[in-house]
């Protein structure tokens, strides 16, 4: 069986699914950049939107965790 943790960086563990998701997001962003250039649009808008989506996703995931674990963890 393959170890689900790809890399141990001290207390931080990087899982394989995280590497795969990050690779897919980067590949999609690069393909979006190529497509934006082909259409004559500004590819920087896509990168700005990606940064906004990543930050919003992290905040929303943490908020979801706090709401659903409030009783057992924060009481």
N, C-alpha and C. Protein backbone atom coordinates (compact mmCIF):
# COMPACT_ATOMS: atom_id res chain seq x y z
N UNK A 1 0.84 -1.19 0.00
CA UNK A 1 0.00 0.00 0.00
C UNK A 1 0.89 1.25 0.00
N UNK A 2 0.51 2.21 -0.79
CA UNK A 2 1.26 3.46 -0.88
C UNK A 2 0.94 4.33 0.34
N UNK A 3 1.97 4.94 0.89
CA UNK A 3 1.79 5.84 2.02
C UNK A 3 1.04 7.09 1.54
N UNK A 4 -0.08 7.46 2.20
CA UNK A 4 -0.84 8.63 1.74
C UNK A 4 -0.10 9.95 1.94
N UNK A 5 0.93 9.94 2.78
CA UNK A 5 1.70 11.16 3.02
C UNK A 5 2.94 11.12 2.13
N UNK A 6 3.03 12.09 1.23
CA UNK A 6 4.12 12.11 0.27
C UNK A 6 5.40 12.68 0.88
N UNK A 7 5.25 13.77 1.65
CA UNK A 7 6.43 14.48 2.16
C UNK A 7 6.17 14.86 3.62
N UNK A 8 7.18 14.65 4.46
CA UNK A 8 7.15 15.11 5.85
C UNK A 8 8.10 16.30 5.96
N UNK A 9 7.55 17.46 6.31
CA UNK A 9 8.37 18.66 6.50
C UNK A 9 8.22 19.09 7.95
N UNK A 10 8.91 18.41 8.83
CA UNK A 10 8.76 18.69 10.26
C UNK A 10 7.35 18.32 10.69
N UNK A 11 6.61 19.28 11.26
CA UNK A 11 5.24 18.96 11.68
C UNK A 11 4.23 18.98 10.54
N UNK A 12 4.65 19.40 9.36
CA UNK A 12 3.74 19.51 8.22
C UNK A 12 3.84 18.24 7.37
N UNK A 13 2.67 17.69 7.06
CA UNK A 13 2.62 16.50 6.20
C UNK A 13 1.90 16.88 4.91
N UNK A 14 2.53 16.59 3.77
CA UNK A 14 1.94 16.88 2.47
C UNK A 14 1.41 15.56 1.90
N UNK A 15 0.10 15.51 1.68
CA UNK A 15 -0.54 14.30 1.18
C UNK A 15 -0.51 14.27 -0.35
N UNK A 16 -0.60 13.06 -0.89
CA UNK A 16 -0.58 12.89 -2.34
C UNK A 16 -1.74 13.61 -3.01
N UNK A 17 -2.94 13.55 -2.39
CA UNK A 17 -4.09 14.21 -3.02
C UNK A 17 -3.89 15.72 -3.10
N UNK A 18 -3.19 16.29 -2.15
CA UNK A 18 -2.90 17.73 -2.19
C UNK A 18 -1.97 18.08 -3.33
N UNK A 19 -0.98 17.22 -3.56
CA UNK A 19 -0.06 17.44 -4.68
C UNK A 19 -0.81 17.33 -6.01
N UNK A 20 -1.71 16.34 -6.11
CA UNK A 20 -2.46 16.16 -7.35
C UNK A 20 -3.40 17.33 -7.60
N UNK A 21 -4.09 17.81 -6.56
CA UNK A 21 -5.00 18.95 -6.72
C UNK A 21 -4.22 20.20 -7.10
N UNK A 22 -3.09 20.45 -6.43
CA UNK A 22 -2.28 21.63 -6.75
C UNK A 22 -1.76 21.58 -8.19
N UNK A 23 -1.35 20.38 -8.63
CA UNK A 23 -0.88 20.22 -10.01
C UNK A 23 -2.00 20.51 -11.01
N UNK A 24 -3.20 20.02 -10.70
CA UNK A 24 -4.35 20.24 -11.59
C UNK A 24 -4.72 21.72 -11.66
N UNK A 25 -4.69 22.41 -10.52
CA UNK A 25 -5.01 23.84 -10.51
C UNK A 25 -3.97 24.62 -11.31
N UNK A 26 -2.70 24.29 -11.13
CA UNK A 26 -1.65 24.97 -11.87
C UNK A 26 -1.76 24.71 -13.37
N UNK A 27 -2.03 23.46 -13.74
CA UNK A 27 -2.19 23.12 -15.16
C UNK A 27 -3.38 23.87 -15.76
N UNK A 28 -4.48 23.95 -15.02
CA UNK A 28 -5.64 24.70 -15.51
C UNK A 28 -5.35 26.17 -15.67
N UNK A 29 -4.59 26.73 -14.72
CA UNK A 29 -4.23 28.15 -14.82
C UNK A 29 -3.32 28.41 -16.02
N UNK A 30 -2.38 27.51 -16.26
CA UNK A 30 -1.49 27.68 -17.41
C UNK A 30 -2.25 27.54 -18.72
N UNK A 31 -3.17 26.58 -18.79
CA UNK A 31 -3.99 26.44 -19.99
C UNK A 31 -4.89 27.67 -20.18
N UNK A 32 -5.40 28.21 -19.08
CA UNK A 32 -6.20 29.42 -19.16
C UNK A 32 -5.40 30.60 -19.66
N UNK A 33 -4.14 30.68 -19.25
CA UNK A 33 -3.27 31.75 -19.72
C UNK A 33 -3.05 31.65 -21.23
N UNK A 34 -2.79 30.43 -21.69
CA UNK A 34 -2.59 30.22 -23.14
C UNK A 34 -3.86 30.59 -23.90
N UNK A 35 -5.01 30.16 -23.40
CA UNK A 35 -6.28 30.45 -24.08
C UNK A 35 -6.59 31.95 -24.06
N UNK A 36 -6.29 32.63 -22.95
CA UNK A 36 -6.52 34.07 -22.88
C UNK A 36 -5.66 34.81 -23.90
N UNK A 37 -4.40 34.41 -24.01
CA UNK A 37 -3.52 35.04 -25.01
C UNK A 37 -4.03 34.79 -26.42
N UNK A 38 -4.51 33.57 -26.66
CA UNK A 38 -5.01 33.22 -28.00
C UNK A 38 -6.21 34.08 -28.36
N UNK A 39 -7.03 34.41 -27.37
CA UNK A 39 -8.23 35.22 -27.61
C UNK A 39 -7.95 36.72 -27.54
N UNK A 40 -6.73 37.10 -27.22
CA UNK A 40 -6.37 38.51 -27.15
C UNK A 40 -6.80 39.18 -25.86
N UNK A 41 -7.00 38.40 -24.80
CA UNK A 41 -7.39 38.95 -23.50
C UNK A 41 -6.18 39.03 -22.59
N UNK A 42 -6.35 39.69 -21.46
CA UNK A 42 -5.28 39.85 -20.49
C UNK A 42 -5.19 38.61 -19.60
N UNK A 43 -4.10 37.83 -19.69
CA UNK A 43 -3.99 36.63 -18.86
C UNK A 43 -3.79 36.92 -17.38
N UNK A 44 -3.35 38.13 -17.04
CA UNK A 44 -3.15 38.47 -15.63
C UNK A 44 -4.46 38.50 -14.85
N UNK A 45 -5.57 38.76 -15.52
CA UNK A 45 -6.86 38.74 -14.84
C UNK A 45 -7.17 37.34 -14.32
N UNK A 46 -6.81 36.32 -15.09
CA UNK A 46 -7.02 34.95 -14.66
C UNK A 46 -6.19 34.60 -13.44
N UNK A 47 -4.94 35.05 -13.42
CA UNK A 47 -4.08 34.77 -12.26
C UNK A 47 -4.58 35.51 -11.02
N UNK A 48 -5.07 36.74 -11.21
CA UNK A 48 -5.63 37.49 -10.07
C UNK A 48 -6.87 36.79 -9.53
N UNK A 49 -7.70 36.29 -10.45
CA UNK A 49 -8.90 35.58 -10.03
C UNK A 49 -8.53 34.29 -9.31
N UNK A 50 -7.51 33.58 -9.79
CA UNK A 50 -7.07 32.34 -9.13
C UNK A 50 -6.60 32.63 -7.72
N UNK A 51 -5.84 33.68 -7.52
CA UNK A 51 -5.38 34.04 -6.18
C UNK A 51 -6.56 34.34 -5.27
N UNK A 52 -7.53 35.08 -5.77
CA UNK A 52 -8.73 35.39 -4.99
C UNK A 52 -9.49 34.12 -4.62
N UNK A 53 -9.63 33.20 -5.56
CA UNK A 53 -10.35 31.95 -5.31
C UNK A 53 -9.61 31.09 -4.28
N UNK A 54 -8.30 31.02 -4.36
CA UNK A 54 -7.53 30.21 -3.41
C UNK A 54 -7.66 30.78 -2.00
N UNK A 55 -7.50 32.08 -1.84
CA UNK A 55 -7.62 32.69 -0.51
C UNK A 55 -9.03 32.53 0.03
N UNK A 56 -10.03 32.77 -0.80
CA UNK A 56 -11.43 32.61 -0.37
C UNK A 56 -11.72 31.17 0.01
N UNK A 57 -11.19 30.22 -0.72
CA UNK A 57 -11.41 28.80 -0.42
C UNK A 57 -10.81 28.41 0.92
N UNK A 58 -9.62 28.90 1.22
CA UNK A 58 -8.98 28.59 2.49
C UNK A 58 -9.78 29.18 3.65
N UNK A 59 -10.21 30.42 3.52
CA UNK A 59 -11.01 31.05 4.57
C UNK A 59 -12.34 30.33 4.75
N UNK A 60 -13.01 29.99 3.65
CA UNK A 60 -14.30 29.30 3.73
C UNK A 60 -14.15 27.90 4.33
N UNK A 61 -13.08 27.19 3.98
CA UNK A 61 -12.86 25.85 4.54
C UNK A 61 -12.63 25.93 6.04
N UNK A 62 -11.88 26.91 6.47
CA UNK A 62 -11.63 27.07 7.91
C UNK A 62 -12.92 27.45 8.64
N UNK A 63 -13.70 28.33 8.06
CA UNK A 63 -14.98 28.72 8.65
C UNK A 63 -15.91 27.53 8.76
N UNK A 64 -15.98 26.71 7.72
CA UNK A 64 -16.79 25.50 7.73
C UNK A 64 -16.34 24.57 8.86
N UNK A 65 -15.04 24.40 9.01
CA UNK A 65 -14.51 23.54 10.07
C UNK A 65 -14.89 24.07 11.45
N UNK A 66 -14.74 25.35 11.67
CA UNK A 66 -15.06 25.93 12.97
C UNK A 66 -16.54 25.77 13.29
N UNK A 67 -17.40 26.00 12.30
CA UNK A 67 -18.84 25.89 12.53
C UNK A 67 -19.23 24.46 12.88
N UNK A 68 -18.68 23.49 12.16
CA UNK A 68 -19.09 22.10 12.37
C UNK A 68 -18.38 21.43 13.53
N UNK A 69 -17.29 21.97 14.02
CA UNK A 69 -16.58 21.39 15.16
C UNK A 69 -16.67 22.27 16.41
N UNK A 70 -17.59 23.21 16.42
CA UNK A 70 -17.67 24.15 17.53
C UNK A 70 -17.91 23.45 18.86
N UNK A 71 -18.88 22.56 18.90
CA UNK A 71 -19.23 21.87 20.14
C UNK A 71 -18.09 21.05 20.72
N UNK A 72 -17.57 20.06 19.99
CA UNK A 72 -16.54 19.19 20.57
C UNK A 72 -15.20 19.88 20.82
N UNK A 73 -14.86 20.87 20.04
CA UNK A 73 -13.52 21.45 20.14
C UNK A 73 -13.50 22.75 20.95
N UNK A 74 -14.48 23.61 20.73
CA UNK A 74 -14.40 24.96 21.28
C UNK A 74 -15.28 25.19 22.52
N UNK A 75 -15.87 24.16 23.09
CA UNK A 75 -16.69 24.37 24.29
C UNK A 75 -15.88 24.19 25.55
